[in-house]
Amino acid sequence: MSDTALVIGGTRFIGRHTVAELLANGYEVAMLNRGTHENPFADEELVTHVEGDRTNETDLRTAKLSVDPDVVIDCVAYRPADVDAATDVFADVDGYVYVSSGAAYAEEHVPKRENETPLRPCTPAQADRDDADTYGNRKAGGDRAVFEAAERGVNAMAVRPCIVYGPYDYTERLDYWIDRVIAHDRVIVPGDGQNLWHRAYVEDVASALRVVAERGEPGEAYNVGDRRAVTLTETIGLVADAADTDCEVVHAGADALAAGGLTPDDFVLYREYPHLLDTCKLAALGWESTPVDEAMARTVEEHRAADRDGDEWDPGREKEESVLGVKETL
């Protein structure tokens, strides 16, 4: 008899890939969500949908009674109280895994390690908010809720991804760069191009969630990210190779960018100080990551079939052209 997994979320990005990962590894899967997004598994016999709001404890208990899961993957817990409620309701499952974030870390260590790098504080006021400024604080608060649940005997664990990319990424952060590379033969990269913001391929995040649910230690957190971290310039090269196109990377410092009224922070996925997660603890469980060239090839292939272009992240091509003009005169 197959094990049953409940994915809280499950239709959009990380959750969607997690459902597919679980199915590929012999699970029967149920999804708990409000049904506000199209269900990509509507025709899959081994996937059931339980409609409900994960912030409503009654809906969580209804899902537990109807599904009786062996494993719970919580993709949409954004407040510590969400984790408190879920670890109470699912206290007897074989594995509860909370999707945390690399943003939970408080210090700029290189690399950031699970049991060494301090976590952000989370005040009661921060724990109740719903904004970008407190995202890392709230994720750290959820981690602490996992640790406390484990002390009560719950098989609860956390997985901390860095920035996630791959097919069906509704944030469109990498889509911006893919679109730039495909549409233009010259692309501006801020600074010297060596800035490093560690990323995690979404299928690897999904496999990490399954592996931790099956083999993780209660009360522990596990970083997940590409085993080969690449700079922004290297990312452009990977995109160009995957798209089978040529693209010249033009590095522009703050002074050159100012000619177009731009700053380095106007470019998505730029980060002045490197963000790198140590993934050795996860690898010790038997987890492996996809080679970055393969991950990028799959990402670019799906991008071409989608209607995402990362437009919301666009600093303005006319401004970039001004910067390129200045660079040509230097």
C-alpha atoms as a PDB file:
ATOM      1  CA  MET A   1       0.000   0.000   0.000  1.00  0.00           C
ATOM      2  CA  SER A   2       1.338   3.423  -0.997  1.00  0.00           C
ATOM      3  CA  ASP A   3       2.132   6.112   1.528  1.00  0.00           C
ATOM      4  CA  THR A   4      -0.026   9.199   1.377  1.00  0.00           C
ATOM      5  CA  ALA A   5       1.330  12.733   1.314  1.00  0.00           C
ATOM      6  CA  LEU A   6      -0.573  15.925   1.945  1.00  0.00           C
ATOM      7  CA  VAL A   7       0.851  19.004   0.230  1.00  0.00           C
ATOM      8  CA  ILE A   8      -0.431  22.251   1.688  1.00  0.00           C
ATOM      9  CA  GLY A   9      -0.440  24.400  -1.436  1.00  0.00           C
ATOM     10  CA  GLY A  10       0.424  22.328  -4.487  1.00  0.00           C
ATOM     11  CA  THR A  11      -0.765  24.113  -7.614  1.00  0.00           C
ATOM     12  CA  ARG A  12       1.670  26.878  -8.474  1.00  0.00           C
ATOM     13  CA  PHE A  13       5.453  26.523  -8.232  1.00  0.00           C
ATOM     14  CA  ILE A  14       7.287  24.703  -5.434  1.00  0.00           C
ATOM     15  CA  GLY A  15       4.087  22.908  -4.464  1.00  0.00           C
ATOM     16  CA  ARG A  16       3.387  21.846  -8.037  1.00  0.00           C
ATOM     17  CA  HIS A  17       6.832  20.302  -8.430  1.00  0.00           C
ATOM     18  CA  THR A  18       6.551  18.702  -4.995  1.00  0.00           C
ATOM     19  CA  VAL A  19       3.330  16.943  -5.967  1.00  0.00           C
ATOM     20  CA  ALA A  20       5.032  15.664  -9.138  1.00  0.00           C
ATOM     21  CA  GLU A  21       8.075  14.507  -7.129  1.00  0.00           C
ATOM     22  CA  LEU A  22       5.918  12.609  -4.664  1.00  0.00           C
ATOM     23  CA  LEU A  23       3.906  10.958  -7.444  1.00  0.00           C
ATOM     24  CA  ALA A  24       7.128   9.899  -9.171  1.00  0.00           C
ATOM     25  CA  ASN A  25       8.232   8.224  -5.941  1.00  0.00           C
ATOM     26  CA  GLY A  26       5.121   6.144  -5.371  1.00  0.00           C
ATOM     27  CA  TYR A  27       3.000   8.360  -3.130  1.00  0.00           C
ATOM     28  CA  GLU A  28      -0.677   9.008  -3.313  1.00  0.00           C
ATOM     29  CA  VAL A  29      -1.030  12.755  -2.949  1.00  0.00           C
ATOM     30  CA  ALA A  30      -3.658  15.134  -1.645  1.00  0.00           C
ATOM     31  CA  MET A  31      -3.487  18.908  -1.941  1.00  0.00           C
ATOM     32  CA  LEU A  32      -5.019  21.349   0.509  1.00  0.00           C
ATOM     33  CA  ASN A  33      -5.642  24.789  -0.949  1.00  0.00           C
ATOM     34  CA  ARG A  34      -8.418  27.263  -1.604  1.00  0.00           C
ATOM     35  CA  GLY A  35      -8.768  26.294  -5.253  1.00  0.00           C
ATOM     36  CA  THR A  36      -8.098  29.828  -6.485  1.00  0.00           C
ATOM     37  CA  HIS A  37      -5.479  28.692  -9.015  1.00  0.00           C
ATOM     38  CA  GLU A  38      -5.806  26.203 -11.861  1.00  0.00           C
ATOM     39  CA  ASN A  39      -5.164  22.641 -10.729  1.00  0.00           C
ATOM     40  CA  PRO A  40      -2.486  21.073 -12.981  1.00  0.00           C
ATOM     41  CA  PHE A  41      -3.317  17.642 -11.534  1.00  0.00           C
ATOM     42  CA  ALA A  42      -7.069  17.719 -12.172  1.00  0.00           C
ATOM     43  CA  ASP A  43      -6.861  14.631 -14.398  1.00  0.00           C
ATOM     44  CA  GLU A  44      -4.392  12.703 -12.217  1.00  0.00           C
ATOM     45  CA  GLU A  45      -6.124   9.792 -10.465  1.00  0.00           C
ATOM     46  CA  LEU A  46      -3.586   9.604  -7.628  1.00  0.00           C
ATOM     47  CA  VAL A  47      -4.032  13.265  -6.668  1.00  0.00           C
ATOM     48  CA  THR A  48      -7.037  14.486  -4.705  1.00  0.00           C
ATOM     49  CA  HIS A  49      -7.953  18.059  -3.881  1.00  0.00           C
ATOM     50  CA  VAL A  50      -9.204  19.147  -0.475  1.00  0.00           C
ATOM     51  CA  GLU A  51     -10.533  22.674  -0.631  1.00  0.00           C
ATOM     52  CA  GLY A  52      -9.718  24.763   2.400  1.00  0.00           C
ATOM     53  CA  ASP A  53      -7.788  27.664   3.878  1.00  0.00           C
ATOM     54  CA  ARG A  54      -4.536  26.637   5.546  1.00  0.00           C
ATOM     55  CA  THR A  55      -4.909  29.485   8.049  1.00  0.00           C
ATOM     56  CA  ASN A  56      -8.173  27.912   9.271  1.00  0.00           C
ATOM     57  CA  GLU A  57      -7.450  25.188  11.834  1.00  0.00           C
ATOM     58  CA  THR A  58     -10.800  23.518  11.177  1.00  0.00           C
ATOM     59  CA  ASP A  59      -9.832  23.126   7.516  1.00  0.00           C
ATOM     60  CA  LEU A  60      -6.519  21.582   8.552  1.00  0.00           C
ATOM     61  CA  ARG A  61      -8.299  19.071  10.786  1.00  0.00           C
ATOM     62  CA  THR A  62     -10.778  18.275   8.025  1.00  0.00           C
ATOM     63  CA  ALA A  63      -7.891  17.567   5.666  1.00  0.00           C
ATOM     64  CA  LYS A  64      -6.243  15.311   8.245  1.00  0.00           C
ATOM     65  CA  LEU A  65      -9.417  13.294   8.739  1.00  0.00           C
ATOM     66  CA  SER A  66     -10.121  12.935   5.016  1.00  0.00           C
ATOM     67  CA  VAL A  67      -6.553  12.204   3.915  1.00  0.00           C
ATOM     68  CA  ASP A  68      -4.885  10.575   6.958  1.00  0.00           C
ATOM     69  CA  PRO A  69      -1.440  11.507   5.597  1.00  0.00           C
ATOM     70  CA  ASP A  70       1.836   9.804   6.398  1.00  0.00           C
ATOM     71  CA  VAL A  71       3.761  12.889   5.286  1.00  0.00           C
ATOM     72  CA  VAL A  72       2.845  16.589   5.217  1.00  0.00           C
ATOM     73  CA  ILE A  73       4.723  19.154   3.102  1.00  0.00           C
ATOM     74  CA  ASP A  74       3.765  22.701   4.117  1.00  0.00           C
ATOM     75  CA  CYS A  75       4.542  25.045   1.216  1.00  0.00           C
ATOM     76  CA  VAL A  76       2.444  28.042   2.250  1.00  0.00           C
ATOM     77  CA  ALA A  77       3.115  28.688   5.938  1.00  0.00           C
ATOM     78  CA  TYR A  78       4.014  32.382   6.111  1.00  0.00           C
ATOM     79  CA  ARG A  79       3.559  33.052   9.818  1.00  0.00           C
ATOM     80  CA  PRO A  80       4.827  31.181  12.889  1.00  0.00           C
ATOM     81  CA  ALA A  81       1.217  30.652  13.956  1.00  0.00           C
ATOM     82  CA  ASP A  82       0.640  28.673  10.732  1.00  0.00           C
ATOM     83  CA  VAL A  83       3.406  26.264  11.742  1.00  0.00           C
ATOM     84  CA  ASP A  84       2.161  26.060  15.318  1.00  0.00           C
ATOM     85  CA  ALA A  85      -1.304  25.057  14.121  1.00  0.00           C
ATOM     86  CA  ALA A  86      -0.049  22.549  11.549  1.00  0.00           C
ATOM     87  CA  THR A  87       2.376  20.811  13.924  1.00  0.00           C
ATOM     88  CA  ASP A  88      -0.467  20.477  16.419  1.00  0.00           C
ATOM     89  CA  VAL A  89      -2.954  19.085  13.907  1.00  0.00           C
ATOM     90  CA  PHE A  90      -0.408  16.761  12.239  1.00  0.00           C
ATOM     91  CA  ALA A  91       1.500  15.855  15.399  1.00  0.00           C
ATOM     92  CA  ASP A  92       1.388  12.120  14.692  1.00  0.00           C
ATOM     93  CA  VAL A  93       2.533  12.012  11.045  1.00  0.00           C
ATOM     94  CA  ASP A  94       5.768  10.314  10.040  1.00  0.00           C
ATOM     95  CA  GLY A  95       7.160  13.584   8.730  1.00  0.00           C
ATOM     96  CA  TYR A  96       6.034  17.220   8.701  1.00  0.00           C
ATOM     97  CA  VAL A  97       8.244  19.473   6.554  1.00  0.00           C
ATOM     98  CA  TYR A  98       7.974  23.244   6.649  1.00  0.00           C
ATOM     99  CA  VAL A  99       9.210  25.240   3.661  1.00  0.00           C
ATOM    100  CA  SER A 100      11.311  27.952   5.253  1.00  0.00           C
ATOM    101  CA  SER A 101      13.792  30.228   3.440  1.00  0.00           C
ATOM    102  CA  GLY A 102      17.422  31.252   3.307  1.00  0.00           C
ATOM    103  CA  ALA A 103      16.044  34.693   4.176  1.00  0.00           C
ATOM    104  CA  ALA A 104      15.612  33.404   7.744  1.00  0.00           C
ATOM    105  CA  TYR A 105      19.344  33.919   8.375  1.00  0.00           C
ATOM    106  CA  ALA A 106      20.317  37.091  10.225  1.00  0.00           C
ATOM    107  CA  GLU A 107      24.043  37.246   9.476  1.00  0.00           C
ATOM    108  CA  GLU A 108      25.908  37.605   6.180  1.00  0.00           C
ATOM    109  CA  HIS A 109      28.097  34.564   6.658  1.00  0.00           C
ATOM    110  CA  VAL A 110      29.646  32.843   3.632  1.00  0.00           C
ATOM    111  CA  PRO A 111      28.401  30.196   3.533  1.00  0.00           C
ATOM    112  CA  LYS A 112      25.373  30.206   5.804  1.00  0.00           C
ATOM    113  CA  ARG A 113      25.180  27.002   7.858  1.00  0.00           C
ATOM    114  CA  GLU A 114      22.107  25.565   9.545  1.00  0.00           C
ATOM    115  CA  ASN A 115      23.427  25.130  13.068  1.00  0.00           C
ATOM    116  CA  GLU A 116      25.882  28.020  13.099  1.00  0.00           C
ATOM    117  CA  THR A 117      24.509  31.108  11.343  1.00  0.00           C
ATOM    118  CA  PRO A 118      22.062  33.009  13.595  1.00  0.00           C
ATOM    119  CA  LEU A 119      18.433  33.376  12.591  1.00  0.00           C
ATOM    120  CA  ARG A 120      16.523  36.622  12.358  1.00  0.00           C
ATOM    121  CA  PRO A 121      14.453  37.643  15.377  1.00  0.00           C
ATOM    122  CA  CYS A 122      10.683  37.577  15.049  1.00  0.00           C
ATOM    123  CA  THR A 123       8.743  39.858  17.364  1.00  0.00           C
ATOM    124  CA  PRO A 124       5.018  39.344  18.000  1.00  0.00           C
ATOM    125  CA  ALA A 125       4.319  42.370  15.793  1.00  0.00           C
ATOM    126  CA  GLN A 126       6.445  40.968  12.959  1.00  0.00           C
ATOM    127  CA  ALA A 127       4.873  37.525  13.306  1.00  0.00           C
ATOM    128  CA  ASP A 128       1.457  38.956  12.431  1.00  0.00           C
ATOM    129  CA  ARG A 129       2.476  40.993   9.403  1.00  0.00           C
ATOM    130  CA  ASP A 130       2.325  40.100   5.711  1.00  0.00           C
ATOM    131  CA  ASP A 131       4.962  42.144   3.902  1.00  0.00           C
ATOM    132  CA  ALA A 132       8.343  41.703   2.267  1.00  0.00           C
ATOM    133  CA  ASP A 133      10.201  43.516   5.045  1.00  0.00           C
ATOM    134  CA  THR A 134       9.256  40.876   7.623  1.00  0.00           C
ATOM    135  CA  TYR A 135       9.354  37.811   5.359  1.00  0.00           C
ATOM    136  CA  GLY A 136      12.682  36.546   6.696  1.00  0.00           C
ATOM    137  CA  ASN A 137      11.671  37.234  10.281  1.00  0.00           C
ATOM    138  CA  ARG A 138       8.453  35.275   9.882  1.00  0.00           C
ATOM    139  CA  LYS A 139      10.227  32.366   8.203  1.00  0.00           C
ATOM    140  CA  ALA A 140      12.716  32.284  11.084  1.00  0.00           C
ATOM    141  CA  GLY A 141       9.784  32.302  13.493  1.00  0.00           C
ATOM    142  CA  GLY A 142       8.374  29.299  11.652  1.00  0.00           C
ATOM    143  CA  ASP A 143      11.710  27.517  12.038  1.00  0.00           C
ATOM    144  CA  ARG A 144      11.586  28.063  15.788  1.00  0.00           C
ATOM    145  CA  ALA A 145       8.031  26.695  15.818  1.00  0.00           C
ATOM    146  CA  VAL A 146       9.363  23.548  14.113  1.00  0.00           C
ATOM    147  CA  PHE A 147      12.107  23.191  16.716  1.00  0.00           C
ATOM    148  CA  GLU A 148       9.605  23.586  19.564  1.00  0.00           C
ATOM    149  CA  ALA A 149       7.264  21.039  17.991  1.00  0.00           C
ATOM    150  CA  ALA A 150      10.102  18.533  17.729  1.00  0.00           C
ATOM    151  CA  GLU A 151      10.783  18.987  21.425  1.00  0.00           C
ATOM    152  CA  ARG A 152       7.158  17.926  21.984  1.00  0.00           C
ATOM    153  CA  GLY A 153       7.788  14.742  19.985  1.00  0.00           C
ATOM    154  CA  VAL A 154       6.512  15.879  16.572  1.00  0.00           C
ATOM    155  CA  ASN A 155       8.518  14.627  13.573  1.00  0.00           C
ATOM    156  CA  ALA A 156       8.844  18.205  12.307  1.00  0.00           C
ATOM    157  CA  MET A 157      11.656  19.534  10.111  1.00  0.00           C
ATOM    158  CA  ALA A 158      12.418  22.632   8.024  1.00  0.00           C
ATOM    159  CA  VAL A 159      13.918  23.078   4.570  1.00  0.00           C
ATOM    160  CA  ARG A 160      15.511  26.437   3.722  1.00  0.00           C
ATOM    161  CA  PRO A 161      15.766  27.137  -0.017  1.00  0.00           C
ATOM    162  CA  CYS A 162      17.639  30.097  -1.398  1.00  0.00           C
ATOM    163  CA  ILE A 163      16.034  31.856  -4.398  1.00  0.00           C
ATOM    164  CA  VAL A 164      14.137  29.204  -6.348  1.00  0.00           C
ATOM    165  CA  TYR A 165      13.993  29.103 -10.163  1.00  0.00           C
ATOM    166  CA  GLY A 166      12.689  26.759 -12.805  1.00  0.00           C
ATOM    167  CA  PRO A 167       9.560  25.947 -14.807  1.00  0.00           C
ATOM    168  CA  TYR A 168       6.307  27.676 -13.775  1.00  0.00           C
ATOM    169  CA  ASP A 169       8.069  30.318 -11.668  1.00  0.00           C
ATOM    170  CA  TYR A 170       5.354  32.926 -11.171  1.00  0.00           C
ATOM    171  CA  THR A 171       7.843  35.375  -9.597  1.00  0.00           C
ATOM    172  CA  GLU A 172       9.402  35.771 -13.091  1.00  0.00           C
ATOM    173  CA  ARG A 173      12.751  36.863 -11.660  1.00  0.00           C
ATOM    174  CA  LEU A 174      14.828  34.621 -13.878  1.00  0.00           C
ATOM    175  CA  ASP A 175      12.334  35.064 -16.710  1.00  0.00           C
ATOM    176  CA  TYR A 176      13.485  38.680 -16.929  1.00  0.00           C
ATOM    177  CA  TRP A 177      17.057  37.606 -17.687  1.00  0.00           C
ATOM    178  CA  ILE A 178      15.994  34.812 -20.050  1.00  0.00           C
ATOM    179  CA  ASP A 179      13.839  37.254 -21.997  1.00  0.00           C
ATOM    180  CA  ARG A 180      16.700  39.775 -22.158  1.00  0.00           C
ATOM    181  CA  VAL A 181      19.144  37.198 -23.490  1.00  0.00           C
ATOM    182  CA  ILE A 182      16.719  35.921 -26.126  1.00  0.00           C
ATOM    183  CA  ALA A 183      15.590  39.390 -27.250  1.00  0.00           C
ATOM    184  CA  HIS A 184      18.908  41.287 -27.278  1.00  0.00           C
ATOM    185  CA  ASP A 185      22.487  40.583 -28.271  1.00  0.00           C
ATOM    186  CA  ARG A 186      23.900  42.842 -25.526  1.00  0.00           C
ATOM    187  CA  VAL A 187      22.801  42.608 -21.905  1.00  0.00           C
ATOM    188  CA  ILE A 188      23.833  44.872 -19.048  1.00  0.00           C
ATOM    189  CA  VAL A 189      24.962  43.159 -15.859  1.00  0.00           C
ATOM    190  CA  PRO A 190      25.543  45.517 -12.906  1.00  0.00           C
ATOM    191  CA  GLY A 191      28.946  45.716 -11.279  1.00  0.00           C
ATOM    192  CA  ASP A 192      31.669  43.327 -12.337  1.00  0.00           C
ATOM    193  CA  GLY A 193      29.217  40.464 -12.791  1.00  0.00           C
ATOM    194  CA  GLN A 194      30.733  38.436  -9.983  1.00  0.00           C
ATOM    195  CA  ASN A 195      27.915  39.050  -7.498  1.00  0.00           C
ATOM    196  CA  LEU A 196      26.614  35.765  -6.137  1.00  0.00           C
ATOM    197  CA  TRP A 197      23.027  35.136  -5.050  1.00  0.00           C
ATOM    198  CA  HIS A 198      22.713  31.393  -4.536  1.00  0.00           C
ATOM    199  CA  ARG A 199      19.752  29.814  -6.293  1.00  0.00           C
ATOM    200  CA  ALA A 200      17.950  26.466  -6.081  1.00  0.00           C
ATOM    201  CA  TYR A 201      16.419  24.610  -9.014  1.00  0.00           C
ATOM    202  CA  VAL A 202      12.793  23.939  -8.176  1.00  0.00           C
ATOM    203  CA  GLU A 203      12.853  20.199  -8.919  1.00  0.00           C
ATOM    204  CA  ASP A 204      15.760  19.885  -6.494  1.00  0.00           C
ATOM    205  CA  VAL A 205      13.786  21.759  -3.843  1.00  0.00           C
ATOM    206  CA  ALA A 206      10.924  19.308  -4.362  1.00  0.00           C
ATOM    207  CA  SER A 207      13.232  16.314  -4.012  1.00  0.00           C
ATOM    208  CA  ALA A 208      14.779  17.875  -0.905  1.00  0.00           C
ATOM    209  CA  LEU A 209      11.343  18.156   0.695  1.00  0.00           C
ATOM    210  CA  ARG A 210      10.660  14.482   0.025  1.00  0.00           C
ATOM    211  CA  VAL A 211      14.097  13.326   1.189  1.00  0.00           C
ATOM    212  CA  VAL A 212      13.846  15.328   4.405  1.00  0.00           C
ATOM    213  CA  ALA A 213      10.339  13.995   5.061  1.00  0.00           C
ATOM    214  CA  GLU A 214      11.649  10.437   4.668  1.00  0.00           C
ATOM    215  CA  ARG A 215      15.132  10.665   6.208  1.00  0.00           C
ATOM    216  CA  GLY A 216      15.441  13.954   8.058  1.00  0.00           C
ATOM    217  CA  GLU A 217      16.002  14.341  11.780  1.00  0.00           C
ATOM    218  CA  PRO A 218      13.132  15.914  13.743  1.00  0.00           C
ATOM    219  CA  GLY A 219      13.991  19.398  14.944  1.00  0.00           C
ATOM    220  CA  GLU A 220      16.566  19.986  12.213  1.00  0.00           C
ATOM    221  CA  ALA A 221      16.688  22.459   9.331  1.00  0.00           C
ATOM    222  CA  TYR A 222      18.264  21.721   5.954  1.00  0.00           C
ATOM    223  CA  ASN A 223      19.543  24.238   3.406  1.00  0.00           C
ATOM    224  CA  VAL A 224      18.842  23.568  -0.261  1.00  0.00           C
ATOM    225  CA  GLY A 225      20.509  25.206  -3.250  1.00  0.00           C
ATOM    226  CA  ASP A 226      22.342  24.302  -6.422  1.00  0.00           C
ATOM    227  CA  ARG A 227      25.478  22.377  -5.524  1.00  0.00           C
ATOM    228  CA  ARG A 228      27.290  24.647  -7.988  1.00  0.00           C
ATOM    229  CA  ALA A 229      26.524  28.278  -7.216  1.00  0.00           C
ATOM    230  CA  VAL A 230      26.996  30.599 -10.203  1.00  0.00           C
ATOM    231  CA  THR A 231      27.551  34.331 -10.540  1.00  0.00           C
ATOM    232  CA  LEU A 232      25.165  36.568 -12.453  1.00  0.00           C
ATOM    233  CA  THR A 233      27.537  36.661 -15.440  1.00  0.00           C
ATOM    234  CA  GLU A 234      27.764  32.863 -15.415  1.00  0.00           C
ATOM    235  CA  THR A 235      23.966  32.733 -15.241  1.00  0.00           C
ATOM    236  CA  ILE A 236      23.700  34.799 -18.433  1.00  0.00           C
ATOM    237  CA  GLY A 237      26.116  32.398 -20.118  1.00  0.00           C
ATOM    238  CA  LEU A 238      24.060  29.396 -19.040  1.00  0.00           C
ATOM    239  CA  VAL A 239      20.886  31.039 -20.347  1.00  0.00           C
ATOM    240  CA  ALA A 240      22.536  31.856 -23.684  1.00  0.00           C
ATOM    241  CA  ASP A 241      23.812  28.298 -24.079  1.00  0.00           C
ATOM    242  CA  ALA A 242      20.389  26.863 -23.233  1.00  0.00           C
ATOM    243  CA  ALA A 243      18.703  29.251 -25.684  1.00  0.00           C
ATOM    244  CA  ASP A 244      21.341  28.516 -28.357  1.00  0.00           C
ATOM    245  CA  THR A 245      22.083  32.188 -28.869  1.00  0.00           C
ATOM    246  CA  ASP A 246      24.974  34.599 -28.531  1.00  0.00           C
ATOM    247  CA  CYS A 247      24.795  37.360 -25.964  1.00  0.00           C
ATOM    248  CA  GLU A 248      27.460  39.879 -24.985  1.00  0.00           C
ATOM    249  CA  VAL A 249      27.556  40.704 -21.300  1.00  0.00           C
ATOM    250  CA  VAL A 250      28.302  44.380 -20.675  1.00  0.00           C
ATOM    251  CA  HIS A 251      29.390  45.094 -17.108  1.00  0.00           C
ATOM    252  CA  ALA A 252      28.393  48.502 -15.786  1.00  0.00           C
ATOM    253  CA  GLY A 253      29.378  50.057 -12.484  1.00  0.00           C
ATOM    254  CA  ALA A 254      27.372  52.588 -10.537  1.00  0.00           C
ATOM    255  CA  ASP A 255      28.769  55.578 -12.462  1.00  0.00           C
ATOM    256  CA  ALA A 256      27.967  54.091 -15.862  1.00  0.00           C
ATOM    257  CA  LEU A 257      24.491  53.019 -14.748  1.00  0.00           C
ATOM    258  CA  ALA A 258      23.796  56.536 -13.491  1.00  0.00           C
ATOM    259  CA  ALA A 259      23.988  57.745 -17.101  1.00  0.00           C
ATOM    260  CA  GLY A 260      20.695  55.946 -17.639  1.00  0.00           C
ATOM    261  CA  GLY A 261      19.252  56.869 -14.280  1.00  0.00           C
ATOM    262  CA  LEU A 262      19.853  53.347 -12.997  1.00  0.00           C
ATOM    263  CA  THR A 263      21.488  51.749  -9.968  1.00  0.00           C
ATOM    264  CA  PRO A 264      22.745  48.172  -9.500  1.00  0.00           C
ATOM    265  CA  ASP A 265      19.726  47.394  -7.312  1.00  0.00           C
ATOM    266  CA  ASP A 266      17.383  48.103 -10.244  1.00  0.00           C
ATOM    267  CA  PHE A 267      18.428  44.727 -11.674  1.00  0.00           C
ATOM    268  CA  VAL A 268      16.668  41.671 -10.273  1.00  0.00           C
ATOM    269  CA  LEU A 269      18.877  38.939  -8.788  1.00  0.00           C
ATOM    270  CA  TYR A 270      21.652  41.439  -8.138  1.00  0.00           C
ATOM    271  CA  ARG A 271      23.037  41.330  -4.608  1.00  0.00           C
ATOM    272  CA  GLU A 272      26.094  43.275  -3.521  1.00  0.00           C
ATOM    273  CA  TYR A 273      27.163  40.837  -0.796  1.00  0.00           C
ATOM    274  CA  PRO A 274      27.271  37.112  -1.660  1.00  0.00           C
ATOM    275  CA  HIS A 275      24.486  34.876  -0.382  1.00  0.00           C
ATOM    276  CA  LEU A 276      25.589  31.252  -0.244  1.00  0.00           C
ATOM    277  CA  LEU A 277      24.041  28.321   1.632  1.00  0.00           C
ATOM    278  CA  ASP A 278      25.986  25.268   2.752  1.00  0.00           C
ATOM    279  CA  THR A 279      24.072  22.221   1.455  1.00  0.00           C
ATOM    280  CA  CYS A 280      26.314  19.485   2.871  1.00  0.00           C
ATOM    281  CA  LYS A 281      23.829  18.557   5.597  1.00  0.00           C
ATOM    282  CA  LEU A 282      21.128  17.842   3.019  1.00  0.00           C
ATOM    283  CA  ALA A 283      23.534  15.978   0.751  1.00  0.00           C
ATOM    284  CA  ALA A 284      24.403  13.699   3.671  1.00  0.00           C
ATOM    285  CA  LEU A 285      20.807  12.403   3.499  1.00  0.00           C
ATOM    286  CA  GLY A 286      21.414  11.215  -0.050  1.00  0.00           C
ATOM    287  CA  TRP A 287      19.994  14.276  -1.821  1.00  0.00           C
ATOM    288  CA  GLU A 288      21.556  15.292  -5.133  1.00  0.00           C
ATOM    289  CA  SER A 289      21.120  18.395  -7.241  1.00  0.00           C
ATOM    290  CA  THR A 290      20.612  18.707 -10.981  1.00  0.00           C
ATOM    291  CA  PRO A 291      23.649  20.009 -12.918  1.00  0.00           C
ATOM    292  CA  VAL A 292      23.077  23.720 -13.513  1.00  0.00           C
ATOM    293  CA  ASP A 293      23.288  23.446 -17.306  1.00  0.00           C
ATOM    294  CA  GLU A 294      20.544  20.804 -17.327  1.00  0.00           C
ATOM    295  CA  ALA A 295      18.423  22.835 -14.898  1.00  0.00           C
ATOM    296  CA  MET A 296      18.792  25.941 -17.057  1.00  0.00           C
ATOM    297  CA  ALA A 297      17.956  24.040 -20.253  1.00  0.00           C
ATOM    298  CA  ARG A 298      14.663  22.847 -18.741  1.00  0.00           C
ATOM    299  CA  THR A 299      13.949  26.325 -17.416  1.00  0.00           C
ATOM    300  CA  VAL A 300      14.550  28.028 -20.761  1.00  0.00           C
ATOM    301  CA  GLU A 301      12.516  25.398 -22.624  1.00  0.00           C
ATOM    302  CA  GLU A 302       9.483  26.007 -20.403  1.00  0.00           C
ATOM    303  CA  HIS A 303      10.014  29.787 -20.596  1.00  0.00           C
ATOM    304  CA  ARG A 304       9.724  29.683 -24.402  1.00  0.00           C
ATOM    305  CA  ALA A 305       6.360  27.928 -24.105  1.00  0.00           C
ATOM    306  CA  ALA A 306       5.044  30.321 -21.433  1.00  0.00           C
ATOM    307  CA  ASP A 307       3.875  33.924 -21.609  1.00  0.00           C
ATOM    308  CA  ARG A 308       6.147  35.196 -18.830  1.00  0.00           C
ATOM    309  CA  ASP A 309       8.725  37.858 -19.652  1.00  0.00           C
ATOM    310  CA  GLY A 310       9.643  39.289 -16.245  1.00  0.00           C
ATOM    311  CA  ASP A 311       8.312  42.663 -17.327  1.00  0.00           C
ATOM    312  CA  GLU A 312       7.653  43.791 -13.763  1.00  0.00           C
ATOM    313  CA  TRP A 313      11.408  43.597 -13.106  1.00  0.00           C
ATOM    314  CA  ASP A 314      12.372  45.524 -16.263  1.00  0.00           C
ATOM    315  CA  PRO A 315      14.531  48.573 -15.423  1.00  0.00           C
ATOM    316  CA  GLY A 316      13.774  50.002 -18.874  1.00  0.00           C
ATOM    317  CA  ARG A 317      15.548  49.074 -22.106  1.00  0.00           C
ATOM    318  CA  GLU A 318      15.802  52.734 -23.153  1.00  0.00           C
ATOM    319  CA  LYS A 319      17.722  53.464 -19.967  1.00  0.00           C
ATOM    320  CA  GLU A 320      19.951  50.458 -20.639  1.00  0.00           C
ATOM    321  CA  GLU A 321      20.610  51.713 -24.165  1.00  0.00           C
ATOM    322  CA  SER A 322      21.812  55.004 -22.667  1.00  0.00           C
ATOM    323  CA  VAL A 323      24.238  53.093 -20.484  1.00  0.00           C
ATOM    324  CA  LEU A 324      25.426  51.006 -23.435  1.00  0.00           C
ATOM    325  CA  GLY A 325      26.086  54.199 -25.346  1.00  0.00           C
ATOM    326  CA  VAL A 326      28.208  55.546 -22.538  1.00  0.00           C
ATOM    327  CA  LYS A 327      30.136  52.270 -22.291  1.00  0.00           C
ATOM    328  CA  GLU A 328      30.933  52.446 -26.024  1.00  0.00           C
ATOM    329  CA  THR A 329      32.601  55.845 -25.602  1.00  0.00           C
ATOM    330  CA  LEU A 330      34.870  54.720 -22.766  1.00  0.00           C
END
